[in-house]
Amino acid sequence: MPKFELTILVALALLVFFLVGWISSRIFQNINQIKNLDENEISELNGELLEAEEERDQTIAYVKNREKELTNQLGQVKAELNAAMDGLGAARREASELRKRLTREH
């Protein structure tokens, strides 16, 4: 292989390795961008995260409590509905008996 072809091949290989290294470096910098934040920003973000977690916990507790209340109300409504349906059934039976008595008497 002549020296010129070898020189071109080595130059292209070095260029490819340089480009791969440069691209890897940029990707690594983007991934580790959090390291560039100063401590104040990090503590500020940490405080906001804690507040968000507390708010989330409070919301979850509220939703569970509300779900329990609504479940109890639903149970009460179902019990009232069953009682009303039983009363309605009894009233219909009584009305039917009264109609039969009236038709017998006439």
Protein backbone atom coordinates (compact mmCIF):
# COMPACT_ATOMS: atom_id res chain seq x y z
CA MET A 1 0.00 0.00 0.00
CA PRO A 2 1.52 3.34 -1.01
CA LYS A 3 2.32 5.96 1.62
CA PHE A 4 -0.26 8.39 0.23
CA GLU A 5 -3.16 5.93 0.56
CA LEU A 6 -2.01 4.98 4.05
CA THR A 7 -1.84 8.66 5.04
CA ILE A 8 -5.38 9.29 3.72
CA LEU A 9 -6.70 6.19 5.49
CA VAL A 10 -5.09 7.17 8.81
CA ALA A 11 -6.38 10.77 8.44
CA LEU A 12 -9.94 9.53 7.79
CA ALA A 13 -9.75 7.14 10.75
CA LEU A 14 -8.56 9.96 13.02
CA LEU A 15 -11.36 12.22 11.74
CA VAL A 16 -13.96 9.55 12.44
CA PHE A 17 -12.58 8.96 15.95
CA PHE A 18 -12.54 12.71 16.58
CA LEU A 19 -16.17 13.07 15.47
CA VAL A 20 -17.28 10.09 17.58
CA GLY A 21 -15.44 11.55 20.60
CA TRP A 22 -16.90 15.02 20.07
CA ILE A 23 -20.46 13.68 19.70
CA SER A 24 -20.00 11.50 22.79
CA SER A 25 -18.71 14.50 24.73
CA ARG A 26 -21.76 16.59 23.75
CA ILE A 27 -24.14 13.80 24.73
CA PHE A 28 -22.33 13.36 28.07
CA GLN A 29 -22.54 17.12 28.74
CA ASN A 30 -26.27 17.16 28.02
CA ILE A 31 -26.89 14.16 30.28
CA ASN A 32 -24.90 15.65 33.15
CA GLN A 33 -26.27 19.17 32.81
CA ILE A 34 -27.61 19.02 36.36
CA LYS A 35 -24.03 19.30 37.62
CA ASN A 36 -23.84 22.78 36.14
CA LEU A 37 -26.58 24.06 38.47
CA ASP A 38 -25.36 25.82 41.56
CA GLU A 39 -26.28 24.67 45.06
CA ASN A 40 -28.95 27.35 45.51
CA GLU A 41 -30.84 26.16 42.48
CA ILE A 42 -30.53 22.56 43.63
CA SER A 43 -31.85 23.37 47.13
CA GLU A 44 -34.65 25.44 45.57
CA LEU A 45 -35.62 22.53 43.34
CA ASN A 46 -35.43 20.18 46.32
CA GLY A 47 -37.77 22.43 48.32
CA GLU A 48 -40.24 22.60 45.45
CA LEU A 49 -40.10 18.82 45.11
CA LEU A 50 -40.83 18.35 48.83
CA GLU A 51 -43.77 20.77 48.62
CA ALA A 52 -45.13 18.92 45.59
CA GLU A 53 -44.80 15.58 47.40
CA GLU A 54 -46.61 16.95 50.48
CA GLU A 55 -49.38 18.35 48.29
CA ARG A 56 -49.66 15.02 46.50
CA ASP A 57 -49.92 13.17 49.82
CA GLN A 58 -52.59 15.59 51.05
CA THR A 59 -54.51 15.18 47.80
CA ILE A 60 -54.35 11.39 48.03
CA ALA A 61 -55.58 11.52 51.65
CA TYR A 62 -58.42 13.87 50.65
CA VAL A 63 -59.44 11.64 47.74
CA LYS A 64 -59.44 8.52 49.94
CA ASN A 65 -61.48 10.28 52.61
CA ARG A 66 -63.93 11.61 50.03
CA GLU A 67 -64.20 8.16 48.44
CA LYS A 68 -65.02 6.68 51.86
CA GLU A 69 -67.69 9.34 52.45
CA LEU A 70 -69.25 8.78 49.03
CA THR A 71 -69.21 5.01 49.54
CA ASN A 72 -71.04 5.47 52.84
CA GLN A 73 -73.56 7.81 51.22
CA LEU A 74 -74.09 5.33 48.41
CA GLY A 75 -74.74 2.57 50.94
CA GLN A 76 -77.25 4.77 52.74
CA VAL A 77 -78.99 5.69 49.50
CA LYS A 78 -79.19 2.04 48.48
CA ALA A 79 -80.65 1.13 51.89
CA GLU A 80 -83.21 3.95 51.57
CA LEU A 81 -84.04 2.83 48.04
CA ASN A 82 -84.57 -0.75 49.19
CA ALA A 83 -86.77 0.45 52.05
CA ALA A 84 -88.77 2.65 49.67
CA MET A 85 -89.14 -0.21 47.19
CA ASP A 86 -90.31 -2.54 49.99
CA GLY A 87 -92.79 0.12 51.13
CA LEU A 88 -93.98 0.63 47.57
CA GLY A 89 -94.42 -3.11 47.11
CA ALA A 90 -96.41 -3.32 50.35
CA ALA A 91 -98.54 -0.34 49.30
CA ARG A 92 -99.22 -1.95 45.91
CA ARG A 93 -100.21 -5.23 47.55
CA GLU A 94 -102.49 -3.37 49.95
CA ALA A 95 -104.02 -1.37 47.10
CA SER A 96 -104.57 -4.60 45.16
CA GLU A 97 -106.29 -6.19 48.16
CA LEU A 98 -108.48 -3.12 48.60
CA ARG A 99 -109.46 -3.21 44.91
CA LYS A 100 -110.39 -6.88 45.23
CA ARG A 101 -112.55 -6.12 48.27
CA LEU A 102 -114.27 -3.27 46.46
CA THR A 103 -114.97 -5.39 43.41
CA ARG A 104 -116.39 -8.16 45.63
CA GLU A 105 -118.64 -5.76 47.49
CA HIS A 106 -120.09 -4.33 44.29
